[in-house]
Every structure is written in C-alpha cells, then in structure tokens.
Amino acid sequence: MEHQPAASIFLALQESALGHAMRSSPALYPAVEILHIFGFVILVGSILALDLRLLGLGRTLAIQPMAQLLLPLSRAGFLLAITMGFLLFSADASHVVKNPAFQAKVLLIAAALVNIVIAHAVPWRHVEHWGDKASGAAKVTALLSILLWLGVICAGRLIAYF
C-alpha cells in the first residue's frame, strides 16, 4: 500500500533525526513533556484568569491592566506549548496524526485561535469604553475561550487512550 503524500510527511518527520532523538533519549522526551505542560499551564491559566474577569469575577480588578499583564504571558505559554508539542509529535507523528483525540485537539486549538482573532478584532477594539464591565461580545468570546481551551486540555490528555 502506497503512502499518501501527507502521510509521508509525517513519516519523514518521525524518521528524522529529531524524531529519532525524541524516541531514543531517556531524558529528552520527559523533559520536553514537562515543558509542554508548563507551556499550557501558563497559557490556559492566564487565559482563564482574564476570561473569568471578563465574565464578571473579580470586578475590583481593572480589565486593561490585567490584560496587559496576562496577554503576554498567554503568548509565551502558547509558544512554549506549541514548540514542545511539535517535538513530542515528532517522536510518533505517523501514528499520532491518525489519533482522533489528537485531531480533536488540533481542531480545538484552531477554533480557539480563531476566537482570539475575533475577540481582538471586534470587542477588544473598544476596551477603553468598557469601564469595569466587559461588553456582551467580549463575554461571549471569553466563555467560548474557556470552553475551547479546556477542550484542548481534555483532548490532549485523551491522546494516550486512543
């Protein structure tokens, strides 16, 4: 049976020096996995805190300064999680890419990123008018953000079981 072009890309990644290093080093894979966890803890923790504030929790905290603190943290967490996730993926790419939990995780990440773009393109453009209460549109994107990122975590955890 011939490999489909996309499948051969994943097999090539898996058989690359990177994939081999990730599989053969007794310390590398666990270290990368720990960094991946740190990344998504920073990402989801900072997003969750800001989204909960947008939904009305902690109204004594001003939204803009909180966002100025947490958005750079979420970006750093995302970069760490994605980079380490790619390294983990390289160890068994041709099999993991077929995993329904992995596929769900990728789709949820894509949806969460689209939600971020929408949030920053529409409600966040008017953040200076919010005062201490986020707009209805901001609340919708915040709730969706919480659901999507928690879904990413759940799907990521389920990869081991499929």
Protein backbone atom coordinates (compact mmCIF):
# COMPACT_ATOMS: atom_id res chain seq x y z
CA MET A 1 0.00 0.00 0.00
CA GLU A 2 1.37 3.39 -1.00
CA HIS A 3 1.69 6.21 1.48
CA GLN A 4 -0.42 9.24 0.79
CA PRO A 5 1.69 12.42 0.35
CA ALA A 6 0.56 13.90 3.67
CA ALA A 7 1.23 10.62 5.47
CA SER A 8 4.75 10.50 4.05
CA ILE A 9 5.44 13.96 5.51
CA PHE A 10 4.54 12.70 8.98
CA LEU A 11 6.56 9.52 8.49
CA ALA A 12 9.53 11.62 7.34
CA LEU A 13 9.24 13.77 10.46
CA GLN A 14 9.05 10.68 12.65
CA GLU A 15 12.08 9.13 10.95
CA SER A 16 14.09 12.37 11.02
CA ALA A 17 16.98 12.99 13.39
CA LEU A 18 14.59 14.98 15.57
CA GLY A 19 12.08 12.13 15.80
CA HIS A 20 14.85 9.66 16.50
CA ALA A 21 16.34 11.88 19.22
CA MET A 22 12.95 12.28 20.86
CA ARG A 23 12.46 8.49 20.93
CA SER A 24 15.96 7.41 21.87
CA SER A 25 16.95 9.79 24.65
CA PRO A 26 15.80 8.63 28.08
CA ALA A 27 15.69 12.22 29.35
CA LEU A 28 14.68 14.31 26.33
CA TYR A 29 11.08 13.16 25.86
CA PRO A 30 10.14 13.54 29.56
CA ALA A 31 11.86 16.95 29.75
CA VAL A 32 10.03 18.18 26.64
CA GLU A 33 6.74 16.82 28.01
CA ILE A 34 7.26 18.74 31.27
CA LEU A 35 7.98 21.93 29.32
CA HIS A 36 4.86 21.29 27.21
CA ILE A 37 2.81 21.05 30.41
CA PHE A 38 4.40 24.25 31.76
CA GLY A 39 3.51 25.98 28.49
CA PHE A 40 -0.14 25.05 28.53
CA VAL A 41 -0.45 25.76 32.26
CA ILE A 42 0.86 29.29 31.63
CA LEU A 43 -1.32 29.65 28.53
CA VAL A 44 -4.57 28.33 29.94
CA GLY A 45 -4.02 29.76 33.42
CA SER A 46 -3.52 33.29 32.13
CA ILE A 47 -6.39 32.99 29.64
CA LEU A 48 -8.71 31.52 32.25
CA ALA A 49 -7.95 34.33 34.71
CA LEU A 50 -8.63 37.03 32.11
CA ASP A 51 -11.72 35.31 30.71
CA LEU A 52 -13.21 34.89 34.19
CA ARG A 53 -12.60 38.60 34.81
CA LEU A 54 -14.38 39.43 31.54
CA LEU A 55 -17.29 37.29 32.69
CA GLY A 56 -17.60 39.38 35.85
CA LEU A 57 -15.45 37.71 38.51
CA GLY A 58 -13.05 39.97 40.41
CA ARG A 59 -14.69 43.23 39.41
CA THR A 60 -12.34 45.15 41.68
CA LEU A 61 -9.54 44.33 39.23
CA ALA A 62 -9.33 46.66 36.23
CA ILE A 63 -9.57 44.81 32.91
CA GLN A 64 -6.93 46.71 30.92
CA PRO A 65 -4.01 46.36 33.38
CA MET A 66 -4.95 42.72 33.91
CA ALA A 67 -4.91 42.14 30.15
CA GLN A 68 -1.57 43.95 29.83
CA LEU A 69 -0.11 41.52 32.36
CA LEU A 70 -1.77 38.30 31.21
CA LEU A 71 -1.82 38.53 27.40
CA PRO A 72 2.00 38.46 27.04
CA LEU A 73 2.07 35.51 29.46
CA SER A 74 -0.52 33.66 27.38
CA ARG A 75 1.51 34.28 24.20
CA ALA A 76 4.68 32.98 25.86
CA GLY A 77 2.82 29.94 27.17
CA PHE A 78 1.37 29.27 23.72
CA LEU A 79 4.80 29.47 22.06
CA LEU A 80 6.29 27.10 24.64
CA ALA A 81 3.38 24.65 24.42
CA ILE A 82 3.31 24.61 20.60
CA THR A 83 7.09 24.24 20.28
CA MET A 84 7.28 21.43 22.81
CA GLY A 85 4.13 19.84 21.36
CA PHE A 86 5.78 19.71 17.94
CA LEU A 87 8.81 18.00 19.45
CA LEU A 88 6.57 15.44 21.19
CA PHE A 89 4.62 14.92 17.96
CA SER A 90 7.84 14.25 16.03
CA ALA A 91 8.52 11.12 18.07
CA ASP A 92 5.50 9.25 16.65
CA ALA A 93 4.00 11.59 14.07
CA SER A 94 2.73 9.00 11.58
CA HIS A 95 0.62 7.34 14.27
CA VAL A 96 -0.40 10.33 16.38
CA VAL A 97 -1.74 12.22 13.35
CA LYS A 98 -4.38 9.47 12.95
CA ASN A 99 -5.43 9.63 16.60
CA PRO A 100 -8.97 11.05 16.94
CA ALA A 101 -8.10 12.79 20.21
CA PHE A 102 -5.10 14.48 18.55
CA GLN A 103 -7.27 15.52 15.61
CA ALA A 104 -9.82 16.97 18.02
CA LYS A 105 -7.05 18.81 19.88
CA VAL A 106 -5.75 20.40 16.68
CA LEU A 107 -9.27 21.47 15.65
CA LEU A 108 -9.95 22.91 19.10
CA ILE A 109 -6.66 24.85 19.04
CA ALA A 110 -7.56 26.22 15.60
CA ALA A 111 -11.04 27.22 16.85
CA ALA A 112 -9.52 28.85 19.97
CA LEU A 113 -7.12 30.85 17.79
CA VAL A 114 -9.97 31.99 15.53
CA ASN A 115 -11.87 33.02 18.66
CA ILE A 116 -8.85 35.10 19.76
CA VAL A 117 -8.69 36.82 16.37
CA ILE A 118 -12.41 37.59 16.53
CA ALA A 119 -12.15 38.82 20.12
CA HIS A 120 -9.31 41.20 19.32
CA ALA A 121 -10.83 42.34 16.03
CA VAL A 122 -14.27 43.18 17.43
CA PRO A 123 -14.93 43.59 21.18
CA TRP A 124 -11.35 44.34 22.29
CA ARG A 125 -11.13 47.27 19.85
CA HIS A 126 -13.50 49.12 22.19
CA VAL A 127 -11.98 48.08 25.52
CA GLU A 128 -11.50 51.72 26.57
CA HIS A 129 -15.31 52.11 26.66
CA TRP A 130 -15.93 49.10 28.88
CA GLY A 131 -15.06 50.63 32.22
CA ASP A 132 -15.21 47.86 34.81
CA LYS A 133 -17.63 45.71 32.80
CA ALA A 134 -16.80 43.88 29.56
CA SER A 135 -19.12 44.13 26.58
CA GLY A 136 -21.55 41.34 25.75
CA ALA A 137 -19.45 40.32 22.74
CA ALA A 138 -16.34 40.14 24.93
CA LYS A 139 -18.21 37.92 27.38
CA VAL A 140 -19.27 35.57 24.58
CA THR A 141 -15.70 35.23 23.30
CA ALA A 142 -14.46 34.76 26.89
CA LEU A 143 -16.91 31.94 27.57
CA LEU A 144 -16.08 30.31 24.25
CA SER A 145 -12.38 30.70 25.03
CA ILE A 146 -12.74 28.89 28.36
CA LEU A 147 -14.65 26.03 26.75
CA LEU A 148 -12.24 25.69 23.83
CA TRP A 149 -9.02 25.76 25.87
CA LEU A 150 -10.40 23.30 28.43
CA GLY A 151 -11.39 21.12 25.49
CA VAL A 152 -7.81 21.31 24.19
CA ILE A 153 -6.53 20.07 27.55
CA CYS A 154 -9.03 17.22 27.66
CA ALA A 155 -8.33 16.15 24.09
CA GLY A 156 -4.59 16.32 24.71
CA ARG A 157 -4.90 14.10 27.74
CA LEU A 158 -7.05 11.60 25.80
CA ILE A 159 -4.38 11.11 23.13
CA ALA A 160 -2.80 8.41 25.30
CA TYR A 161 -6.04 6.42 25.37
CA PHE A 162 -6.80 6.22 21.64
